[in-house]
Amino acid sequence: MYVIRMKNCAFFARHGVLDEEETLGQRFYVDAALTVEPGRALVDDSIEDTVHYGVAFGVIEKIITGERRFLIEALALEVARALTARFPQIKKAEITVRKPNAPVPGVLDHVEVTVVWPE
C-alpha cells in the first residue's frame, strides 16, 4: 500500500447552516489522504494503475462547489465515497474539510472535520 496526499485544495462554495453563509459564500480547504493498493503502478510506472490526482482533484471540486450542504461532515463523507467509487484501488480515503470563516462567537483559525471511508 502507499498513500497519495493532496493538501489545501481550495474552493469557493456556499455551505453552512446560516442563510448568510449561502449568500456570501466562503473558501473551503480540503485535504485527501488516499491509501492505494499498488497493483502494478509501482513497477510499471502506469497512470492507469494508480489514482490520477488531476482527476481526483476534479472529483473533489465537483462536490465541494456543487449542491449546498449544511455540514462539512456531509461534504467530507461525500468526497470520500465519490473518490473510492471512482478509483477502486483506493482502499481508504481520509478526507479533511476546513472552514476558516465558521460563524462562531470568537476568534479561531478554522473548523475542520476529518472522515475516514470506509470506516
C-alpha atoms as a PDB file:
ATOM      1  CA  MET A   1       0.000   0.000   0.000  1.00  0.00           C
ATOM      2  CA  TYR A   2       1.023   3.617  -0.474  1.00  0.00           C
ATOM      3  CA  VAL A   3      -0.617   6.959   0.335  1.00  0.00           C
ATOM      4  CA  ILE A   4      -1.307   9.831  -2.043  1.00  0.00           C
ATOM      5  CA  ARG A   5      -1.795  13.129  -0.193  1.00  0.00           C
ATOM      6  CA  MET A   6      -3.476  16.163  -1.685  1.00  0.00           C
ATOM      7  CA  LYS A   7      -3.276  19.145   0.682  1.00  0.00           C
ATOM      8  CA  ASN A   8      -5.023  22.506   0.821  1.00  0.00           C
ATOM      9  CA  CYS A   9      -7.204  22.065  -2.263  1.00  0.00           C
ATOM     10  CA  ALA A  10      -9.100  25.379  -2.185  1.00  0.00           C
ATOM     11  CA  PHE A  11     -12.635  26.031  -3.427  1.00  0.00           C
ATOM     12  CA  PHE A  12     -15.186  28.819  -3.109  1.00  0.00           C
ATOM     13  CA  ALA A  13     -18.590  27.474  -2.049  1.00  0.00           C
ATOM     14  CA  ARG A  14     -21.755  28.304  -0.127  1.00  0.00           C
ATOM     15  CA  HIS A  15     -22.092  25.621   2.546  1.00  0.00           C
ATOM     16  CA  GLY A  16     -23.337  26.134   6.074  1.00  0.00           C
ATOM     17  CA  VAL A  17     -26.397  26.313   8.260  1.00  0.00           C
ATOM     18  CA  LEU A  18     -26.875  30.089   8.194  1.00  0.00           C
ATOM     19  CA  ASP A  19     -28.515  31.934   5.312  1.00  0.00           C
ATOM     20  CA  GLU A  20     -25.610  34.404   5.282  1.00  0.00           C
ATOM     21  CA  GLU A  21     -23.207  31.556   4.510  1.00  0.00           C
ATOM     22  CA  GLU A  22     -25.174  30.703   1.402  1.00  0.00           C
ATOM     23  CA  THR A  23     -25.493  34.356   0.374  1.00  0.00           C
ATOM     24  CA  LEU A  24     -21.869  35.369   0.914  1.00  0.00           C
ATOM     25  CA  GLY A  25     -20.064  32.079   0.371  1.00  0.00           C
ATOM     26  CA  GLN A  26     -16.528  31.419   1.543  1.00  0.00           C
ATOM     27  CA  ARG A  27     -13.408  29.439   0.791  1.00  0.00           C
ATOM     28  CA  PHE A  28     -13.171  25.799   1.884  1.00  0.00           C
ATOM     29  CA  TYR A  29      -9.971  23.751   2.021  1.00  0.00           C
ATOM     30  CA  VAL A  30      -9.755  20.008   1.508  1.00  0.00           C
ATOM     31  CA  ASP A  31      -7.011  17.520   2.307  1.00  0.00           C
ATOM     32  CA  ALA A  32      -7.186  13.978   0.974  1.00  0.00           C
ATOM     33  CA  ALA A  33      -5.029  11.057   2.133  1.00  0.00           C
ATOM     34  CA  LEU A  34      -5.749   8.169  -0.201  1.00  0.00           C
ATOM     35  CA  THR A  35      -4.417   4.739   0.727  1.00  0.00           C
ATOM     36  CA  VAL A  36      -3.922   2.906  -2.546  1.00  0.00           C
ATOM     37  CA  GLU A  37      -3.429  -0.768  -3.403  1.00  0.00           C
ATOM     38  CA  PRO A  38      -0.272  -0.654  -5.507  1.00  0.00           C
ATOM     39  CA  GLY A  39      -1.222  -3.120  -8.213  1.00  0.00           C
ATOM     40  CA  ARG A  40       1.359  -2.696 -10.999  1.00  0.00           C
ATOM     41  CA  ALA A  41       1.751   1.088 -10.701  1.00  0.00           C
ATOM     42  CA  LEU A  42       4.942   0.985  -8.648  1.00  0.00           C
ATOM     43  CA  VAL A  43       6.578  -1.473 -11.039  1.00  0.00           C
ATOM     44  CA  ASP A  44       5.205  -0.386 -14.420  1.00  0.00           C
ATOM     45  CA  ASP A  45       5.023   3.367 -13.797  1.00  0.00           C
ATOM     46  CA  SER A  46       1.497   3.259 -15.233  1.00  0.00           C
ATOM     47  CA  ILE A  47      -1.029   6.019 -14.552  1.00  0.00           C
ATOM     48  CA  GLU A  48      -3.849   3.559 -15.269  1.00  0.00           C
ATOM     49  CA  ASP A  49      -2.867   1.538 -12.186  1.00  0.00           C
ATOM     50  CA  THR A  50      -2.915   4.380  -9.697  1.00  0.00           C
ATOM     51  CA  VAL A  51      -5.002   7.403  -8.724  1.00  0.00           C
ATOM     52  CA  HIS A  52      -4.628  10.244 -11.204  1.00  0.00           C
ATOM     53  CA  TYR A  53      -4.579  13.201  -8.844  1.00  0.00           C
ATOM     54  CA  GLY A  54      -5.751  15.617 -11.529  1.00  0.00           C
ATOM     55  CA  VAL A  55      -8.902  13.531 -11.919  1.00  0.00           C
ATOM     56  CA  ALA A  56      -9.187  13.156  -8.138  1.00  0.00           C
ATOM     57  CA  PHE A  57      -8.997  16.963  -7.776  1.00  0.00           C
ATOM     58  CA  GLY A  58     -11.884  17.256 -10.248  1.00  0.00           C
ATOM     59  CA  VAL A  59     -13.980  14.795  -8.219  1.00  0.00           C
ATOM     60  CA  ILE A  60     -13.361  16.842  -5.064  1.00  0.00           C
ATOM     61  CA  GLU A  61     -14.077  20.137  -6.831  1.00  0.00           C
ATOM     62  CA  LYS A  62     -17.381  18.925  -8.270  1.00  0.00           C
ATOM     63  CA  ILE A  63     -18.670  18.004  -4.818  1.00  0.00           C
ATOM     64  CA  ILE A  64     -17.329  20.982  -2.873  1.00  0.00           C
ATOM     65  CA  THR A  65     -18.575  23.528  -5.431  1.00  0.00           C
ATOM     66  CA  GLY A  66     -21.826  21.638  -6.008  1.00  0.00           C
ATOM     67  CA  GLU A  67     -25.013  21.310  -4.015  1.00  0.00           C
ATOM     68  CA  ARG A  68     -25.145  23.209  -0.726  1.00  0.00           C
ATOM     69  CA  ARG A  69     -24.647  21.167   2.424  1.00  0.00           C
ATOM     70  CA  PHE A  70     -25.320  22.350   5.951  1.00  0.00           C
ATOM     71  CA  LEU A  71     -22.490  20.284   7.455  1.00  0.00           C
ATOM     72  CA  ILE A  72     -18.873  19.934   6.404  1.00  0.00           C
ATOM     73  CA  GLU A  73     -19.130  16.409   7.818  1.00  0.00           C
ATOM     74  CA  ALA A  74     -21.539  15.562   4.991  1.00  0.00           C
ATOM     75  CA  LEU A  75     -19.181  17.148   2.445  1.00  0.00           C
ATOM     76  CA  ALA A  76     -16.201  15.139   3.662  1.00  0.00           C
ATOM     77  CA  LEU A  77     -18.121  11.859   3.550  1.00  0.00           C
ATOM     78  CA  GLU A  78     -19.469  12.595   0.071  1.00  0.00           C
ATOM     79  CA  VAL A  79     -15.942  13.302  -1.192  1.00  0.00           C
ATOM     80  CA  ALA A  80     -14.589  10.098   0.360  1.00  0.00           C
ATOM     81  CA  ARG A  81     -17.364   7.978  -1.137  1.00  0.00           C
ATOM     82  CA  ALA A  82     -17.005   9.566  -4.566  1.00  0.00           C
ATOM     83  CA  LEU A  83     -13.238   9.053  -4.668  1.00  0.00           C
ATOM     84  CA  THR A  84     -13.442   5.398  -3.624  1.00  0.00           C
ATOM     85  CA  ALA A  85     -16.200   4.815  -6.191  1.00  0.00           C
ATOM     86  CA  ARG A  86     -14.170   6.460  -8.985  1.00  0.00           C
ATOM     87  CA  PHE A  87     -10.904   4.723  -8.088  1.00  0.00           C
ATOM     88  CA  PRO A  88     -11.455   1.145  -6.864  1.00  0.00           C
ATOM     89  CA  GLN A  89      -7.755   0.871  -5.993  1.00  0.00           C
ATOM     90  CA  ILE A  90      -8.323   3.319  -3.096  1.00  0.00           C
ATOM     91  CA  LYS A  91      -8.707   1.142  -0.022  1.00  0.00           C
ATOM     92  CA  LYS A  92      -9.135   4.026   2.430  1.00  0.00           C
ATOM     93  CA  ALA A  93      -9.881   7.707   1.942  1.00  0.00           C
ATOM     94  CA  GLU A  94      -9.228  10.150   4.776  1.00  0.00           C
ATOM     95  CA  ILE A  95     -10.804  13.483   3.880  1.00  0.00           C
ATOM     96  CA  THR A  96     -10.493  16.689   5.878  1.00  0.00           C
ATOM     97  CA  VAL A  97     -12.623  19.730   5.109  1.00  0.00           C
ATOM     98  CA  ARG A  98     -11.634  23.057   6.684  1.00  0.00           C
ATOM     99  CA  LYS A  99     -13.865  26.079   7.043  1.00  0.00           C
ATOM    100  CA  PRO A 100     -11.822  29.155   8.003  1.00  0.00           C
ATOM    101  CA  ASN A 101     -14.765  31.523   8.405  1.00  0.00           C
ATOM    102  CA  ALA A 102     -17.063  29.453  10.572  1.00  0.00           C
ATOM    103  CA  PRO A 103     -19.668  31.636  12.277  1.00  0.00           C
ATOM    104  CA  VAL A 104     -18.611  31.305  15.903  1.00  0.00           C
ATOM    105  CA  PRO A 105     -18.745  33.907  18.689  1.00  0.00           C
ATOM    106  CA  GLY A 106     -14.992  34.218  18.975  1.00  0.00           C
ATOM    107  CA  VAL A 107     -11.665  34.006  17.218  1.00  0.00           C
ATOM    108  CA  LEU A 108     -10.398  30.781  15.709  1.00  0.00           C
ATOM    109  CA  ASP A 109      -8.150  29.718  12.862  1.00  0.00           C
ATOM    110  CA  HIS A 110     -10.638  27.311  11.311  1.00  0.00           C
ATOM    111  CA  VAL A 111     -13.052  24.469  11.967  1.00  0.00           C
ATOM    112  CA  GLU A 112     -12.207  21.134  10.399  1.00  0.00           C
ATOM    113  CA  VAL A 113     -13.758  17.713  10.140  1.00  0.00           C
ATOM    114  CA  THR A 114     -11.997  14.520   9.081  1.00  0.00           C
ATOM    115  CA  VAL A 115     -13.884  11.495   7.770  1.00  0.00           C
ATOM    116  CA  VAL A 116     -12.342   8.096   7.078  1.00  0.00           C
ATOM    117  CA  TRP A 117     -14.066   5.880   4.491  1.00  0.00           C
ATOM    118  CA  PRO A 118     -14.661   3.054   4.640  1.00  0.00           C
ATOM    119  CA  GLU A 119     -14.855   3.112   8.410  1.00  0.00           C
END
